[in-house]
Amino acid sequence: MYEIEQRTARAAILVQSRQPLVVDTITLPERLDYGQVLTRIFYSGICGSQLGEIDARKGEDHYLPHLLGHEAVAEVVQCGPGVRHVAPGDRVVLHWRKGLGIEAQPPVYSWQGKKLNAGWITTFNDYAVISENRMTPVPGDAPLQILPLFGCALTTGFGAVINDAGLRPGDSIVILGAGGVGLNMVQAAQLGGAFPIIAVDLYDNRLDLAKRLGATHIVNSAKTDAREAVMAILREAGLPGADICIDNTG
């Protein structure tokens, strides 16, 4: 019952640090283990963490070769024993953050006759065996291309503002960096009732989007002294400084 009918997948494999990924065919496990789910991936995101992993920014990579990716949208194909939060046919967001369900053992793939390392979630492959607690069902009519953002950028941005920074209604906040994560920080601040919400970035197009998503003030640090501009905004609001400042650029 739990034998995997789909035996192969196409994947982008990290074979050597600081080198281009190798796209090739890999072999899936023969069976789904307890808590494992076979998914067909439609779209995957890539973020700074993955780029850092490819470049070995944290030091020597002891798990080469291995698969990558921790944010995607997929369809459930098969469920292993014990799985009860998703079912075949479900559309799901795949995410690095633990959710409901079982934390399964990572799957054992093979490539060129040898073991290919992988974690609880990988998304740079068109078919992937994922731990049940790394996926969340979403409505079937949700737009597929934006759903991978829910797997990383949205949860990271909202978590930093609400959980880590502990934003309260009326707090002032400065957000340095208005990329994928920073824009979600702006949205979290707006939903949390912050004022002012100051977004700082080097690019006008990002700042324009930040304004549309809830920033009350924007500062282009490529064109002006960011510190002086931010402090002027805070003084105008009658504030000596910001309650929260998040550096989202490093």
C-alpha atoms as a PDB file:
ATOM      1  CA  MET A   1       0.000   0.000   0.000  1.00  0.00           C
ATOM      2  CA  TYR A   2       2.833   2.373   0.761  1.00  0.00           C
ATOM      3  CA  GLU A   3       5.063   1.431  -2.171  1.00  0.00           C
ATOM      4  CA  ILE A   4       5.903   4.503  -4.250  1.00  0.00           C
ATOM      5  CA  GLU A   5       4.708   4.172  -7.825  1.00  0.00           C
ATOM      6  CA  GLN A   6       6.674   7.232  -8.951  1.00  0.00           C
ATOM      7  CA  ARG A   7      10.221   5.877  -8.918  1.00  0.00           C
ATOM      8  CA  THR A   8      12.255   8.785 -10.293  1.00  0.00           C
ATOM      9  CA  ALA A   9      12.347  12.579 -10.181  1.00  0.00           C
ATOM     10  CA  ARG A  10      14.253  15.425 -11.753  1.00  0.00           C
ATOM     11  CA  ALA A  11      16.269  17.415  -9.256  1.00  0.00           C
ATOM     12  CA  ALA A  12      18.803  20.220  -8.928  1.00  0.00           C
ATOM     13  CA  ILE A  13      21.583  18.684  -6.800  1.00  0.00           C
ATOM     14  CA  LEU A  14      24.268  20.436  -4.794  1.00  0.00           C
ATOM     15  CA  VAL A  15      27.271  18.291  -5.699  1.00  0.00           C
ATOM     16  CA  GLN A  16      30.081  20.705  -4.856  1.00  0.00           C
ATOM     17  CA  SER A  17      30.037  23.916  -2.844  1.00  0.00           C
ATOM     18  CA  ARG A  18      30.295  27.197  -4.777  1.00  0.00           C
ATOM     19  CA  GLN A  19      29.539  25.418  -8.039  1.00  0.00           C
ATOM     20  CA  PRO A  20      26.401  25.374 -10.230  1.00  0.00           C
ATOM     21  CA  LEU A  21      23.755  22.840  -9.215  1.00  0.00           C
ATOM     22  CA  VAL A  22      23.595  19.662 -11.287  1.00  0.00           C
ATOM     23  CA  VAL A  23      20.191  18.889 -12.803  1.00  0.00           C
ATOM     24  CA  ASP A  24      19.735  15.142 -13.171  1.00  0.00           C
ATOM     25  CA  THR A  25      17.402  12.207 -12.549  1.00  0.00           C
ATOM     26  CA  ILE A  26      17.326  10.781  -9.015  1.00  0.00           C
ATOM     27  CA  THR A  27      15.731   7.620  -7.630  1.00  0.00           C
ATOM     28  CA  LEU A  28      13.045   7.870  -4.968  1.00  0.00           C
ATOM     29  CA  PRO A  29      12.706   5.468  -2.009  1.00  0.00           C
ATOM     30  CA  GLU A  30      10.787   2.253  -2.661  1.00  0.00           C
ATOM     31  CA  ARG A  31       8.292   2.856   0.144  1.00  0.00           C
ATOM     32  CA  LEU A  32       6.900   5.688   2.206  1.00  0.00           C
ATOM     33  CA  ASP A  33       7.905   5.471   5.847  1.00  0.00           C
ATOM     34  CA  TYR A  34       5.841   6.553   8.874  1.00  0.00           C
ATOM     35  CA  GLY A  35       4.753  10.176   8.468  1.00  0.00           C
ATOM     36  CA  GLN A  36       6.192  10.627   4.972  1.00  0.00           C
ATOM     37  CA  VAL A  37       4.223  12.138   2.077  1.00  0.00           C
ATOM     38  CA  LEU A  38       5.004  11.981  -1.636  1.00  0.00           C
ATOM     39  CA  THR A  39       4.335  15.320  -3.319  1.00  0.00           C
ATOM     40  CA  ARG A  40       4.432  16.691  -6.859  1.00  0.00           C
ATOM     41  CA  ILE A  41       5.954  20.163  -6.741  1.00  0.00           C
ATOM     42  CA  PHE A  42       4.585  22.960  -8.920  1.00  0.00           C
ATOM     43  CA  TYR A  43       6.680  25.962  -7.861  1.00  0.00           C
ATOM     44  CA  SER A  44       9.604  26.394  -5.477  1.00  0.00           C
ATOM     45  CA  GLY A  45      11.117  29.515  -4.006  1.00  0.00           C
ATOM     46  CA  ILE A  46      14.778  30.146  -3.307  1.00  0.00           C
ATOM     47  CA  CYS A  47      16.003  32.407  -0.513  1.00  0.00           C
ATOM     48  CA  GLY A  48      19.206  33.674   1.041  1.00  0.00           C
ATOM     49  CA  SER A  49      19.533  30.602   3.228  1.00  0.00           C
ATOM     50  CA  GLN A  50      19.710  28.370   0.167  1.00  0.00           C
ATOM     51  CA  LEU A  51      22.194  30.634  -1.584  1.00  0.00           C
ATOM     52  CA  GLY A  52      24.313  30.598   1.567  1.00  0.00           C
ATOM     53  CA  GLU A  53      24.134  26.817   1.663  1.00  0.00           C
ATOM     54  CA  ILE A  54      25.290  26.593  -1.951  1.00  0.00           C
ATOM     55  CA  ASP A  55      28.187  28.953  -1.183  1.00  0.00           C
ATOM     56  CA  ALA A  56      29.053  27.135   2.104  1.00  0.00           C
ATOM     57  CA  ARG A  57      28.955  30.419   4.030  1.00  0.00           C
ATOM     58  CA  LYS A  58      28.742  28.556   7.343  1.00  0.00           C
ATOM     59  CA  GLY A  59      31.751  26.377   6.619  1.00  0.00           C
ATOM     60  CA  GLU A  60      32.488  23.045   5.028  1.00  0.00           C
ATOM     61  CA  ASP A  61      29.420  21.111   3.868  1.00  0.00           C
ATOM     62  CA  HIS A  62      29.645  17.574   5.266  1.00  0.00           C
ATOM     63  CA  TYR A  63      26.533  16.241   3.514  1.00  0.00           C
ATOM     64  CA  LEU A  64      27.458  16.537  -0.166  1.00  0.00           C
ATOM     65  CA  PRO A  65      25.856  15.640  -2.470  1.00  0.00           C
ATOM     66  CA  HIS A  66      22.431  16.711  -1.237  1.00  0.00           C
ATOM     67  CA  LEU A  67      19.120  18.236  -2.230  1.00  0.00           C
ATOM     68  CA  LEU A  68      17.949  21.765  -1.431  1.00  0.00           C
ATOM     69  CA  GLY A  69      14.839  23.874  -1.021  1.00  0.00           C
ATOM     70  CA  HIS A  70      12.457  24.610   1.834  1.00  0.00           C
ATOM     71  CA  GLU A  71       9.529  26.582   0.364  1.00  0.00           C
ATOM     72  CA  ALA A  72       7.137  25.457  -2.371  1.00  0.00           C
ATOM     73  CA  VAL A  73       3.592  24.662  -3.407  1.00  0.00           C
ATOM     74  CA  ALA A  74       2.770  21.064  -4.267  1.00  0.00           C
ATOM     75  CA  GLU A  75       0.067  18.432  -4.615  1.00  0.00           C
ATOM     76  CA  VAL A  76      -0.104  15.387  -2.356  1.00  0.00           C
ATOM     77  CA  VAL A  77       0.322  12.194  -4.400  1.00  0.00           C
ATOM     78  CA  GLN A  78       0.613   9.463  -1.733  1.00  0.00           C
ATOM     79  CA  CYS A  79       0.581   9.326   2.052  1.00  0.00           C
ATOM     80  CA  GLY A  80       2.629   7.023   4.252  1.00  0.00           C
ATOM     81  CA  PRO A  81       1.442   5.283   7.431  1.00  0.00           C
ATOM     82  CA  GLY A  82       0.197   7.544  10.224  1.00  0.00           C
ATOM     83  CA  VAL A  83      -0.444  10.593   8.038  1.00  0.00           C
ATOM     84  CA  ARG A  84      -3.796  12.217   8.834  1.00  0.00           C
ATOM     85  CA  HIS A  85      -3.520  15.964   8.239  1.00  0.00           C
ATOM     86  CA  VAL A  86      -3.270  15.734   4.437  1.00  0.00           C
ATOM     87  CA  ALA A  87      -4.694  13.418   1.786  1.00  0.00           C
ATOM     88  CA  PRO A  88      -3.972  12.611  -1.883  1.00  0.00           C
ATOM     89  CA  GLY A  89      -5.115  15.446  -4.109  1.00  0.00           C
ATOM     90  CA  ASP A  90      -4.603  18.175  -1.494  1.00  0.00           C
ATOM     91  CA  ARG A  91      -2.776  21.352  -2.510  1.00  0.00           C
ATOM     92  CA  VAL A  92      -0.179  22.131   0.139  1.00  0.00           C
ATOM     93  CA  VAL A  93       2.380  24.793   0.995  1.00  0.00           C
ATOM     94  CA  LEU A  94       5.717  23.194   1.882  1.00  0.00           C
ATOM     95  CA  HIS A  95       7.648  25.024   4.594  1.00  0.00           C
ATOM     96  CA  TRP A  96      10.734  24.784   6.804  1.00  0.00           C
ATOM     97  CA  ARG A  97       8.775  25.640   9.936  1.00  0.00           C
ATOM     98  CA  LYS A  98       7.261  22.705  11.843  1.00  0.00           C
ATOM     99  CA  GLY A  99       3.485  22.443  11.540  1.00  0.00           C
ATOM    100  CA  LEU A 100       0.844  19.849  12.326  1.00  0.00           C
ATOM    101  CA  GLY A 101       1.546  16.165  11.936  1.00  0.00           C
ATOM    102  CA  ILE A 102       4.381  13.717  12.228  1.00  0.00           C
ATOM    103  CA  GLU A 103       8.059  14.582  12.024  1.00  0.00           C
ATOM    104  CA  ALA A 104       9.118  11.715   9.776  1.00  0.00           C
ATOM    105  CA  GLN A 105      12.586  10.379   9.112  1.00  0.00           C
ATOM    106  CA  PRO A 106      14.233  12.135   6.140  1.00  0.00           C
ATOM    107  CA  PRO A 107      13.854  10.121   2.931  1.00  0.00           C
ATOM    108  CA  VAL A 108      16.732   8.191   1.404  1.00  0.00           C
ATOM    109  CA  TYR A 109      17.186   9.060  -2.271  1.00  0.00           C
ATOM    110  CA  SER A 110      19.890   7.741  -4.578  1.00  0.00           C
ATOM    111  CA  TRP A 111      21.797   9.289  -7.447  1.00  0.00           C
ATOM    112  CA  GLN A 112      24.211   7.504  -9.749  1.00  0.00           C
ATOM    113  CA  GLY A 113      23.921   4.433  -7.514  1.00  0.00           C
ATOM    114  CA  LYS A 114      24.904   6.230  -4.306  1.00  0.00           C
ATOM    115  CA  LYS A 115      23.004   7.774  -1.373  1.00  0.00           C
ATOM    116  CA  LEU A 116      21.775  11.315  -1.926  1.00  0.00           C
ATOM    117  CA  ASN A 117      21.269  13.262   1.288  1.00  0.00           C
ATOM    118  CA  ALA A 118      18.068  15.159   2.024  1.00  0.00           C
ATOM    119  CA  GLY A 119      16.234  16.631   4.993  1.00  0.00           C
ATOM    120  CA  TRP A 120      12.594  16.695   6.085  1.00  0.00           C
ATOM    121  CA  ILE A 121      11.813  18.938   3.131  1.00  0.00           C
ATOM    122  CA  THR A 122      13.428  19.522  -0.264  1.00  0.00           C
ATOM    123  CA  THR A 123      11.820  21.461  -3.088  1.00  0.00           C
ATOM    124  CA  PHE A 124      14.337  21.624  -5.929  1.00  0.00           C
ATOM    125  CA  ASN A 125      12.907  18.363  -7.287  1.00  0.00           C
ATOM    126  CA  ASP A 126       9.671  17.785  -9.206  1.00  0.00           C
ATOM    127  CA  TYR A 127       8.669  14.874  -6.921  1.00  0.00           C
ATOM    128  CA  ALA A 128       9.706  14.935  -3.280  1.00  0.00           C
ATOM    129  CA  VAL A 129       9.107  12.884  -0.127  1.00  0.00           C
ATOM    130  CA  ILE A 130       8.285  15.374   2.630  1.00  0.00           C
ATOM    131  CA  SER A 131       7.662  15.034   6.364  1.00  0.00           C
ATOM    132  CA  GLU A 132       3.974  15.548   7.182  1.00  0.00           C
ATOM    133  CA  ASN A 133       4.750  18.375   9.607  1.00  0.00           C
ATOM    134  CA  ARG A 134       6.440  20.427   6.858  1.00  0.00           C
ATOM    135  CA  MET A 135       3.232  20.990   4.858  1.00  0.00           C
ATOM    136  CA  THR A 136      -0.069  22.815   5.263  1.00  0.00           C
ATOM    137  CA  PRO A 137      -3.189  22.382   3.070  1.00  0.00           C
ATOM    138  CA  VAL A 138      -4.388  25.453   1.145  1.00  0.00           C
ATOM    139  CA  PRO A 139      -7.503  26.101  -0.980  1.00  0.00           C
ATOM    140  CA  GLY A 140      -7.330  24.447  -4.370  1.00  0.00           C
ATOM    141  CA  ASP A 141      -8.037  27.704  -6.200  1.00  0.00           C
ATOM    142  CA  ALA A 142      -5.244  29.692  -4.511  1.00  0.00           C
ATOM    143  CA  PRO A 143      -2.765  31.218  -7.033  1.00  0.00           C
ATOM    144  CA  LEU A 144       0.097  28.764  -7.280  1.00  0.00           C
ATOM    145  CA  GLN A 145       2.910  31.160  -8.159  1.00  0.00           C
ATOM    146  CA  ILE A 146       2.667  33.194  -4.947  1.00  0.00           C
ATOM    147  CA  LEU A 147       2.091  30.304  -2.534  1.00  0.00           C
ATOM    148  CA  PRO A 148       5.804  29.428  -2.046  1.00  0.00           C
ATOM    149  CA  LEU A 149       6.149  32.799  -0.287  1.00  0.00           C
ATOM    150  CA  PHE A 150       3.944  31.441   2.511  1.00  0.00           C
ATOM    151  CA  GLY A 151       6.568  28.762   3.126  1.00  0.00           C
ATOM    152  CA  CYS A 152       9.375  31.154   4.080  1.00  0.00           C
ATOM    153  CA  ALA A 153       9.177  34.901   3.408  1.00  0.00           C
ATOM    154  CA  LEU A 154       5.766  35.436   4.988  1.00  0.00           C
ATOM    155  CA  THR A 155       6.339  33.322   8.088  1.00  0.00           C
ATOM    156  CA  THR A 156       9.839  34.745   8.611  1.00  0.00           C
ATOM    157  CA  GLY A 157       8.681  38.346   8.210  1.00  0.00           C
ATOM    158  CA  PHE A 158       5.613  38.028  10.413  1.00  0.00           C
ATOM    159  CA  GLY A 159       7.474  35.965  13.003  1.00  0.00           C
ATOM    160  CA  ALA A 160      10.272  38.510  13.335  1.00  0.00           C
ATOM    161  CA  VAL A 161       7.833  41.386  13.903  1.00  0.00           C
ATOM    162  CA  ILE A 162       5.182  39.710  16.057  1.00  0.00           C
ATOM    163  CA  ASN A 163       7.153  37.041  17.936  1.00  0.00           C
ATOM    164  CA  ASP A 164      10.762  38.236  18.116  1.00  0.00           C
ATOM    165  CA  ALA A 165      10.271  41.997  18.227  1.00  0.00           C
ATOM    166  CA  GLY A 166       6.996  41.707  20.150  1.00  0.00           C
ATOM    167  CA  LEU A 167       5.312  44.566  18.304  1.00  0.00           C
ATOM    168  CA  ARG A 168       2.356  46.190  20.097  1.00  0.00           C
ATOM    169  CA  PRO A 169      -0.281  48.552  18.655  1.00  0.00           C
ATOM    170  CA  GLY A 170       1.140  52.058  18.422  1.00  0.00           C
ATOM    171  CA  ASP A 171       4.788  51.005  18.331  1.00  0.00           C
ATOM    172  CA  SER A 172       7.048  52.800  15.869  1.00  0.00           C
ATOM    173  CA  ILE A 173       9.131  50.543  13.619  1.00  0.00           C
ATOM    174  CA  VAL A 174      11.997  50.917  11.162  1.00  0.00           C
ATOM    175  CA  ILE A 175      12.511  48.077   8.662  1.00  0.00           C
ATOM    176  CA  LEU A 176      15.855  48.043   6.869  1.00  0.00           C
ATOM    177  CA  GLY A 177      15.427  46.123   3.618  1.00  0.00           C
ATOM    178  CA  ALA A 178      12.191  45.841   1.647  1.00  0.00           C
ATOM    179  CA  GLY A 179      12.745  42.589  -0.224  1.00  0.00           C
ATOM    180  CA  GLY A 180      10.627  39.454   0.075  1.00  0.00           C
ATOM    181  CA  VAL A 181      10.980  39.147   3.853  1.00  0.00           C
ATOM    182  CA  GLY A 182      11.016  42.887   4.535  1.00  0.00           C
ATOM    183  CA  LEU A 183       7.768  43.471   2.664  1.00  0.00           C
ATOM    184  CA  ASN A 184       6.096  40.873   4.850  1.00  0.00           C
ATOM    185  CA  MET A 185       7.497  42.668   7.888  1.00  0.00           C
ATOM    186  CA  VAL A 186       5.794  45.811   6.595  1.00  0.00           C
ATOM    187  CA  GLN A 187       2.497  43.955   6.264  1.00  0.00           C
ATOM    188  CA  ALA A 188       2.848  42.480   9.751  1.00  0.00           C
ATOM    189  CA  ALA A 189       3.552  45.931  11.197  1.00  0.00           C
ATOM    190  CA  GLN A 190       0.532  47.401   9.428  1.00  0.00           C
ATOM    191  CA  LEU A 191      -1.763  44.610  10.625  1.00  0.00           C
ATOM    192  CA  GLY A 192      -0.321  44.988  14.138  1.00  0.00           C
ATOM    193  CA  GLY A 193      -1.226  48.670  14.306  1.00  0.00           C
ATOM    194  CA  ALA A 194       2.276  50.167  14.237  1.00  0.00           C
ATOM    195  CA  PHE A 195       2.946  53.872  13.527  1.00  0.00           C
ATOM    196  CA  PRO A 196       5.021  55.141  11.932  1.00  0.00           C
ATOM    197  CA  ILE A 197       6.158  52.241   9.738  1.00  0.00           C
ATOM    198  CA  ILE A 198       9.386  53.327   8.043  1.00  0.00           C
ATOM    199  CA  ALA A 199      10.770  51.170   5.230  1.00  0.00           C
ATOM    200  CA  VAL A 200      14.387  51.738   4.134  1.00  0.00           C
ATOM    201  CA  ASP A 201      15.851  50.308   0.938  1.00  0.00           C
ATOM    202  CA  LEU A 202      18.180  51.128  -1.956  1.00  0.00           C
ATOM    203  CA  TYR A 203      15.562  50.705  -4.701  1.00  0.00           C
ATOM    204  CA  ASP A 204      12.518  52.856  -5.447  1.00  0.00           C
ATOM    205  CA  ASN A 205      10.473  49.987  -6.899  1.00  0.00           C
ATOM    206  CA  ARG A 206      10.731  48.055  -3.636  1.00  0.00           C
ATOM    207  CA  LEU A 207       9.875  51.150  -1.621  1.00  0.00           C
ATOM    208  CA  ASP A 208       6.853  51.867  -3.812  1.00  0.00           C
ATOM    209  CA  LEU A 209       5.600  48.354  -3.100  1.00  0.00           C
ATOM    210  CA  ALA A 210       6.316  48.798   0.614  1.00  0.00           C
ATOM    211  CA  LYS A 211       4.138  51.921   0.548  1.00  0.00           C
ATOM    212  CA  ARG A 212       1.312  49.980  -1.080  1.00  0.00           C
ATOM    213  CA  LEU A 213       1.617  47.231   1.533  1.00  0.00           C
ATOM    214  CA  GLY A 214       1.423  49.492   4.562  1.00  0.00           C
ATOM    215  CA  ALA A 215       4.576  51.552   5.062  1.00  0.00           C
ATOM    216  CA  THR A 216       3.672  55.051   6.239  1.00  0.00           C
ATOM    217  CA  HIS A 217       7.085  56.447   5.268  1.00  0.00           C
ATOM    218  CA  ILE A 218       9.831  55.311   2.882  1.00  0.00           C
ATOM    219  CA  VAL A 219      13.526  56.200   2.726  1.00  0.00           C
ATOM    220  CA  ASN A 220      15.875  55.484  -0.181  1.00  0.00           C
ATOM    221  CA  SER A 221      19.258  55.093   1.505  1.00  0.00           C
ATOM    222  CA  ALA A 222      21.043  55.273  -1.848  1.00  0.00           C
ATOM    223  CA  LYS A 223      19.885  58.862  -2.279  1.00  0.00           C
ATOM    224  CA  THR A 224      19.883  60.255   1.254  1.00  0.00           C
ATOM    225  CA  ASP A 225      21.417  59.772   4.683  1.00  0.00           C
ATOM    226  CA  ALA A 226      19.126  57.071   6.056  1.00  0.00           C
ATOM    227  CA  ARG A 227      19.788  57.826   9.710  1.00  0.00           C
ATOM    228  CA  GLU A 228      19.025  61.525   9.340  1.00  0.00           C
ATOM    229  CA  ALA A 229      15.901  60.822   7.273  1.00  0.00           C
ATOM    230  CA  VAL A 230      14.565  58.267   9.745  1.00  0.00           C
ATOM    231  CA  MET A 231      15.223  60.482  12.747  1.00  0.00           C
ATOM    232  CA  ALA A 232      13.482  63.414  11.022  1.00  0.00           C
ATOM    233  CA  ILE A 233      10.385  61.244  10.481  1.00  0.00           C
ATOM    234  CA  LEU A 234      10.415  60.129  14.118  1.00  0.00           C
ATOM    235  CA  ARG A 235      10.862  63.704  15.411  1.00  0.00           C
ATOM    236  CA  GLU A 236       7.941  64.844  13.272  1.00  0.00           C
ATOM    237  CA  ALA A 237       5.847  62.130  14.958  1.00  0.00           C
ATOM    238  CA  GLY A 238       6.983  63.442  18.357  1.00  0.00           C
ATOM    239  CA  LEU A 239       9.201  60.433  19.068  1.00  0.00           C
ATOM    240  CA  PRO A 240      12.812  60.416  20.361  1.00  0.00           C
ATOM    241  CA  GLY A 241      13.560  57.147  18.536  1.00  0.00           C
ATOM    242  CA  ALA A 242      12.001  53.968  17.186  1.00  0.00           C
ATOM    243  CA  ASP A 243      10.481  51.328  19.439  1.00  0.00           C
ATOM    244  CA  ILE A 244      11.605  48.598  17.026  1.00  0.00           C
ATOM    245  CA  CYS A 245      14.325  48.519  14.385  1.00  0.00           C
ATOM    246  CA  ILE A 246      14.861  45.383  12.286  1.00  0.00           C
ATOM    247  CA  ASP A 247      17.956  44.957  10.110  1.00  0.00           C
ATOM    248  CA  ASN A 248      16.742  42.673   7.347  1.00  0.00           C
ATOM    249  CA  THR A 249      19.634  43.286   4.949  1.00  0.00           C
ATOM    250  CA  GLY A 250      22.476  41.110   6.318  1.00  0.00           C
END
